[in-house]
Amino acid sequence: MATSISVRKHGRLIIRIDQHWHSLVVRAVGELDMATAPAFEDSLLHALESGASSLVLDLTGVTFIDPTGLRVLLWAAAHPRAQGDRLRIDCGSVPVRRLLELTHKEQPLPLTA
């Protein structure tokens, strides 16, 4: 059963964090850009430092990502690598998935199907 931990709205982005047993799901809905990326990064940092056994970053509701938003995703994907690859990214939309796949060829992001 999922328990909502927090819901925050920052301009054109809504960030919701849900807990599923020992895992956290960070859901973003809207636009991940220069205006919303700092709040998104802050939410991810808290989730990564929470001690959760795994973290799912749900981007199925994201309609746009600019280079600043992409930087935050790359940072988040690199952050947990020392802790055992506990991050998974569900990108949902084909354009967002394609952007993420093209951007990070040498070390692929942990995208789910």
N, C-alpha and C. Protein backbone atom coordinates (compact mmCIF):
# COMPACT_ATOMS: atom_id res chain seq x y z
N MET A 1 0.84 -1.18 0.00
CA MET A 1 0.00 0.00 0.00
C MET A 1 0.89 1.25 0.00
N ALA A 2 0.49 2.23 -0.79
CA ALA A 2 1.27 3.48 -0.90
C ALA A 2 0.78 4.51 0.11
N THR A 3 1.74 5.20 0.68
CA THR A 3 1.44 6.28 1.60
C THR A 3 2.07 7.54 1.04
N SER A 4 1.27 8.59 0.85
CA SER A 4 1.81 9.84 0.35
C SER A 4 2.58 10.54 1.45
N ILE A 5 3.83 10.89 1.15
CA ILE A 5 4.67 11.58 2.12
C ILE A 5 4.57 13.08 1.93
N SER A 6 4.63 13.52 0.66
CA SER A 6 4.52 14.96 0.41
C SER A 6 4.06 15.23 -1.01
N VAL A 7 3.42 16.37 -1.18
CA VAL A 7 3.01 16.87 -2.49
C VAL A 7 3.37 18.34 -2.51
N ARG A 8 4.17 18.73 -3.51
CA ARG A 8 4.60 20.12 -3.63
C ARG A 8 4.35 20.60 -5.05
N LYS A 9 3.89 21.84 -5.18
CA LYS A 9 3.69 22.45 -6.49
C LYS A 9 4.67 23.60 -6.63
N HIS A 10 5.40 23.57 -7.74
CA HIS A 10 6.39 24.60 -8.04
C HIS A 10 6.16 25.06 -9.47
N GLY A 11 5.46 26.16 -9.64
CA GLY A 11 5.18 26.64 -10.99
C GLY A 11 4.43 25.61 -11.79
N ARG A 12 5.04 25.16 -12.89
CA ARG A 12 4.39 24.21 -13.79
C ARG A 12 4.76 22.76 -13.48
N LEU A 13 5.24 22.49 -12.27
CA LEU A 13 5.62 21.14 -11.89
C LEU A 13 5.03 20.77 -10.54
N ILE A 14 4.44 19.60 -10.47
CA ILE A 14 3.95 19.03 -9.21
C ILE A 14 4.84 17.84 -8.88
N ILE A 15 5.34 17.80 -7.65
CA ILE A 15 6.21 16.72 -7.19
C ILE A 15 5.50 16.01 -6.05
N ARG A 16 5.30 14.71 -6.22
CA ARG A 16 4.64 13.92 -5.19
C ARG A 16 5.56 12.77 -4.80
N ILE A 17 5.73 12.57 -3.52
CA ILE A 17 6.55 11.46 -3.04
C ILE A 17 5.65 10.49 -2.28
N ASP A 18 5.67 9.24 -2.73
CA ASP A 18 4.89 8.18 -2.10
C ASP A 18 5.84 7.11 -1.58
N GLN A 19 5.46 6.50 -0.47
CA GLN A 19 6.24 5.40 0.08
C GLN A 19 5.49 4.10 -0.15
N HIS A 20 6.18 3.12 -0.73
CA HIS A 20 5.67 1.76 -0.94
C HIS A 20 6.60 0.83 -0.17
N TRP A 21 6.21 0.41 0.99
CA TRP A 21 7.03 -0.41 1.86
C TRP A 21 8.36 0.28 2.12
N HIS A 22 9.46 -0.27 1.61
CA HIS A 22 10.78 0.33 1.85
C HIS A 22 11.28 1.14 0.65
N SER A 23 10.42 1.36 -0.31
CA SER A 23 10.78 2.09 -1.51
C SER A 23 10.05 3.43 -1.55
N LEU A 24 10.67 4.39 -2.25
CA LEU A 24 10.03 5.68 -2.47
C LEU A 24 9.78 5.86 -3.96
N VAL A 25 8.66 6.49 -4.29
CA VAL A 25 8.34 6.85 -5.67
C VAL A 25 8.22 8.37 -5.71
N VAL A 26 9.06 8.99 -6.52
CA VAL A 26 9.00 10.44 -6.72
C VAL A 26 8.33 10.66 -8.07
N ARG A 27 7.13 11.24 -8.04
CA ARG A 27 6.37 11.48 -9.27
C ARG A 27 6.43 12.96 -9.62
N ALA A 28 6.78 13.23 -10.87
CA ALA A 28 6.80 14.60 -11.36
C ALA A 28 5.76 14.72 -12.47
N VAL A 29 4.97 15.79 -12.40
CA VAL A 29 3.94 16.04 -13.41
C VAL A 29 4.07 17.48 -13.86
N GLY A 30 4.25 17.67 -15.17
CA GLY A 30 4.36 19.02 -15.71
C GLY A 30 5.66 19.23 -16.43
N GLU A 31 6.23 20.43 -16.30
CA GLU A 31 7.45 20.80 -17.02
C GLU A 31 8.65 20.86 -16.08
N LEU A 32 9.70 20.17 -16.47
CA LEU A 32 10.94 20.16 -15.70
C LEU A 32 11.93 21.06 -16.43
N ASP A 33 12.03 22.29 -15.95
CA ASP A 33 12.84 23.29 -16.64
C ASP A 33 13.63 24.12 -15.64
N MET A 34 14.23 25.20 -16.12
CA MET A 34 15.08 26.05 -15.29
C MET A 34 14.33 26.56 -14.06
N ALA A 35 13.06 26.84 -14.19
CA ALA A 35 12.29 27.38 -13.07
C ALA A 35 11.94 26.32 -12.03
N THR A 36 11.75 25.08 -12.45
CA THR A 36 11.29 24.04 -11.54
C THR A 36 12.38 23.06 -11.11
N ALA A 37 13.51 23.04 -11.82
CA ALA A 37 14.58 22.08 -11.54
C ALA A 37 15.13 22.18 -10.12
N PRO A 38 15.33 23.38 -9.54
CA PRO A 38 15.86 23.42 -8.17
C PRO A 38 14.95 22.72 -7.15
N ALA A 39 13.66 22.91 -7.25
CA ALA A 39 12.73 22.25 -6.32
C ALA A 39 12.74 20.74 -6.54
N PHE A 40 12.83 20.33 -7.80
CA PHE A 40 12.88 18.91 -8.14
C PHE A 40 14.16 18.28 -7.58
N GLU A 41 15.28 18.97 -7.74
CA GLU A 41 16.55 18.48 -7.21
C GLU A 41 16.50 18.36 -5.69
N ASP A 42 15.90 19.32 -5.03
CA ASP A 42 15.76 19.27 -3.57
C ASP A 42 14.93 18.06 -3.14
N SER A 43 13.83 17.82 -3.83
CA SER A 43 12.99 16.64 -3.51
C SER A 43 13.75 15.35 -3.73
N LEU A 44 14.51 15.28 -4.82
CA LEU A 44 15.30 14.08 -5.09
C LEU A 44 16.39 13.86 -4.05
N LEU A 45 17.02 14.94 -3.65
CA LEU A 45 18.08 14.82 -2.63
C LEU A 45 17.52 14.24 -1.34
N HIS A 46 16.37 14.74 -0.90
CA HIS A 46 15.74 14.21 0.32
C HIS A 46 15.39 12.73 0.14
N ALA A 47 14.89 12.37 -1.03
CA ALA A 47 14.53 10.97 -1.28
C ALA A 47 15.77 10.08 -1.31
N LEU A 48 16.84 10.55 -1.96
CA LEU A 48 18.07 9.76 -2.03
C LEU A 48 18.71 9.57 -0.66
N GLU A 49 18.58 10.57 0.19
CA GLU A 49 19.18 10.50 1.52
C GLU A 49 18.27 9.85 2.55
N SER A 50 17.10 9.41 2.15
CA SER A 50 16.12 8.87 3.09
C SER A 50 16.48 7.49 3.61
N GLY A 51 17.36 6.79 2.93
CA GLY A 51 17.68 5.43 3.34
C GLY A 51 16.73 4.40 2.76
N ALA A 52 15.84 4.81 1.87
CA ALA A 52 14.93 3.86 1.22
C ALA A 52 15.74 2.84 0.43
N SER A 53 15.27 1.60 0.40
CA SER A 53 16.01 0.55 -0.29
C SER A 53 16.04 0.75 -1.80
N SER A 54 15.03 1.40 -2.34
CA SER A 54 15.02 1.71 -3.76
C SER A 54 14.22 2.98 -3.99
N LEU A 55 14.48 3.59 -5.14
CA LEU A 55 13.84 4.85 -5.49
C LEU A 55 13.41 4.78 -6.94
N VAL A 56 12.13 5.03 -7.19
CA VAL A 56 11.61 5.09 -8.55
C VAL A 56 11.29 6.53 -8.86
N LEU A 57 11.84 7.01 -9.95
CA LEU A 57 11.57 8.36 -10.40
C LEU A 57 10.57 8.25 -11.54
N ASP A 58 9.31 8.62 -11.27
CA ASP A 58 8.22 8.48 -12.23
C ASP A 58 8.07 9.78 -13.01
N LEU A 59 8.48 9.74 -14.27
CA LEU A 59 8.39 10.91 -15.15
C LEU A 59 7.28 10.76 -16.18
N THR A 60 6.35 9.84 -15.94
CA THR A 60 5.30 9.59 -16.94
C THR A 60 4.41 10.81 -17.15
N GLY A 61 4.36 11.72 -16.19
CA GLY A 61 3.55 12.92 -16.33
C GLY A 61 4.33 14.15 -16.76
N VAL A 62 5.62 13.98 -17.08
CA VAL A 62 6.45 15.11 -17.50
C VAL A 62 6.24 15.34 -18.99
N THR A 63 5.91 16.57 -19.35
CA THR A 63 5.63 16.91 -20.74
C THR A 63 6.79 17.63 -21.42
N PHE A 64 7.74 18.13 -20.65
CA PHE A 64 8.85 18.89 -21.22
C PHE A 64 10.04 18.83 -20.27
N ILE A 65 11.25 18.66 -20.83
CA ILE A 65 12.48 18.73 -20.05
C ILE A 65 13.46 19.61 -20.81
N ASP A 66 14.01 20.61 -20.13
CA ASP A 66 15.04 21.45 -20.75
C ASP A 66 16.41 20.98 -20.23
N PRO A 67 17.51 21.58 -20.70
CA PRO A 67 18.84 21.13 -20.24
C PRO A 67 19.05 21.20 -18.73
N THR A 68 18.42 22.15 -18.05
CA THR A 68 18.57 22.23 -16.59
C THR A 68 17.90 21.04 -15.92
N GLY A 69 16.72 20.67 -16.39
CA GLY A 69 16.03 19.49 -15.87
C GLY A 69 16.80 18.22 -16.16
N LEU A 70 17.38 18.15 -17.35
CA LEU A 70 18.18 16.99 -17.73
C LEU A 70 19.40 16.86 -16.82
N ARG A 71 20.03 17.97 -16.48
CA ARG A 71 21.18 17.95 -15.57
C ARG A 71 20.80 17.34 -14.23
N VAL A 72 19.62 17.67 -13.72
CA VAL A 72 19.16 17.12 -12.44
C VAL A 72 18.98 15.60 -12.55
N LEU A 73 18.42 15.13 -13.66
CA LEU A 73 18.24 13.69 -13.85
C LEU A 73 19.59 12.97 -13.92
N LEU A 74 20.54 13.56 -14.62
CA LEU A 74 21.87 12.95 -14.72
C LEU A 74 22.55 12.92 -13.35
N TRP A 75 22.39 13.99 -12.59
CA TRP A 75 22.94 14.04 -11.24
C TRP A 75 22.33 12.95 -10.37
N ALA A 76 21.01 12.82 -10.43
CA ALA A 76 20.33 11.81 -9.61
C ALA A 76 20.75 10.40 -9.99
N ALA A 77 20.92 10.15 -11.29
CA ALA A 77 21.33 8.82 -11.74
C ALA A 77 22.75 8.50 -11.29
N ALA A 78 23.61 9.49 -11.22
CA ALA A 78 24.99 9.26 -10.80
C ALA A 78 25.11 9.14 -9.29
N HIS A 79 24.26 9.83 -8.56
CA HIS A 79 24.33 9.88 -7.10
C HIS A 79 24.27 8.51 -6.43
N PRO A 80 23.31 7.66 -6.76
CA PRO A 80 23.20 6.40 -6.02
C PRO A 80 24.13 5.29 -6.49
N ARG A 81 24.89 5.51 -7.53
CA ARG A 81 25.74 4.43 -8.07
C ARG A 81 26.68 3.86 -7.01
N ALA A 82 27.17 4.66 -6.13
CA ALA A 82 28.05 4.17 -5.06
C ALA A 82 27.27 3.36 -4.03
N GLN A 83 25.96 3.50 -4.04
CA GLN A 83 25.12 2.81 -3.06
C GLN A 83 24.38 1.62 -3.68
N GLY A 84 24.80 1.15 -4.84
CA GLY A 84 24.22 -0.07 -5.37
C GLY A 84 23.13 0.11 -6.40
N ASP A 85 23.13 1.16 -7.19
CA ASP A 85 22.16 1.33 -8.27
C ASP A 85 20.72 1.14 -7.80
N ARG A 86 20.31 1.87 -6.84
CA ARG A 86 18.96 1.70 -6.31
C ARG A 86 17.94 2.61 -6.97
N LEU A 87 18.32 3.39 -8.00
CA LEU A 87 17.42 4.31 -8.68
C LEU A 87 16.94 3.72 -9.99
N ARG A 88 15.65 3.87 -10.26
CA ARG A 88 15.05 3.49 -11.54
C ARG A 88 14.23 4.67 -12.04
N ILE A 89 14.29 4.93 -13.34
CA ILE A 89 13.56 6.05 -13.93
C ILE A 89 12.52 5.50 -14.90
N ASP A 90 11.26 5.85 -14.66
CA ASP A 90 10.15 5.50 -15.55
C ASP A 90 9.79 6.76 -16.32
N CYS A 91 10.22 6.83 -17.60
CA CYS A 91 10.03 8.07 -18.34
C CYS A 91 8.69 8.19 -19.03
N GLY A 92 8.02 7.11 -19.29
CA GLY A 92 6.68 7.20 -19.84
C GLY A 92 6.62 7.63 -21.29
N SER A 93 6.72 8.91 -21.54
CA SER A 93 6.51 9.41 -22.90
C SER A 93 7.70 9.09 -23.80
N VAL A 94 7.42 8.84 -25.07
CA VAL A 94 8.46 8.51 -26.04
C VAL A 94 9.46 9.65 -26.21
N PRO A 95 9.03 10.93 -26.33
CA PRO A 95 10.02 12.00 -26.49
C PRO A 95 10.97 12.13 -25.29
N VAL A 96 10.44 11.98 -24.08
CA VAL A 96 11.29 12.07 -22.89
C VAL A 96 12.27 10.90 -22.86
N ARG A 97 11.80 9.70 -23.17
CA ARG A 97 12.68 8.52 -23.19
C ARG A 97 13.77 8.71 -24.23
N ARG A 98 13.41 9.15 -25.41
CA ARG A 98 14.39 9.34 -26.49
C ARG A 98 15.46 10.36 -26.08
N LEU A 99 15.04 11.45 -25.47
CA LEU A 99 15.98 12.47 -25.00
C LEU A 99 16.97 11.87 -24.01
N LEU A 100 16.46 11.10 -23.06
CA LEU A 100 17.33 10.51 -22.04
C LEU A 100 18.26 9.46 -22.63
N GLU A 101 17.76 8.67 -23.59
CA GLU A 101 18.60 7.65 -24.21
C GLU A 101 19.72 8.29 -25.05
N LEU A 102 19.40 9.34 -25.77
CA LEU A 102 20.38 10.00 -26.63
C LEU A 102 21.43 10.77 -25.84
N THR A 103 21.04 11.28 -24.70
CA THR A 103 21.91 12.15 -23.93
C THR A 103 23.02 11.41 -23.22
N HIS A 104 22.77 10.23 -22.78
CA HIS A 104 23.73 9.55 -21.89
C HIS A 104 24.09 8.18 -22.45
N LYS A 105 24.76 8.15 -23.58
CA LYS A 105 25.09 6.90 -24.26
C LYS A 105 26.17 6.09 -23.55
N GLU A 106 27.26 6.75 -23.06
CA GLU A 106 28.36 6.00 -22.51
C GLU A 106 28.01 5.26 -21.23
N GLN A 107 27.15 5.80 -20.40
CA GLN A 107 26.70 5.13 -19.19
C GLN A 107 25.19 5.33 -19.12
N PRO A 108 24.42 4.38 -19.68
CA PRO A 108 22.98 4.57 -19.79
C PRO A 108 22.30 4.84 -18.44
N LEU A 109 21.27 5.66 -18.49
CA LEU A 109 20.46 5.92 -17.32
C LEU A 109 19.64 4.69 -16.98
N PRO A 110 19.29 4.51 -15.72
CA PRO A 110 18.52 3.31 -15.31
C PRO A 110 17.03 3.45 -15.65
N LEU A 111 16.71 3.36 -16.96
CA LEU A 111 15.33 3.51 -17.42
C LEU A 111 14.58 2.19 -17.31
N THR A 112 13.31 2.28 -16.92
CA THR A 112 12.48 1.08 -16.90
C THR A 112 11.73 0.99 -18.22
N ALA A 113 11.25 -0.20 -18.51
CA ALA A 113 10.55 -0.42 -19.78
C ALA A 113 9.25 0.31 -19.86
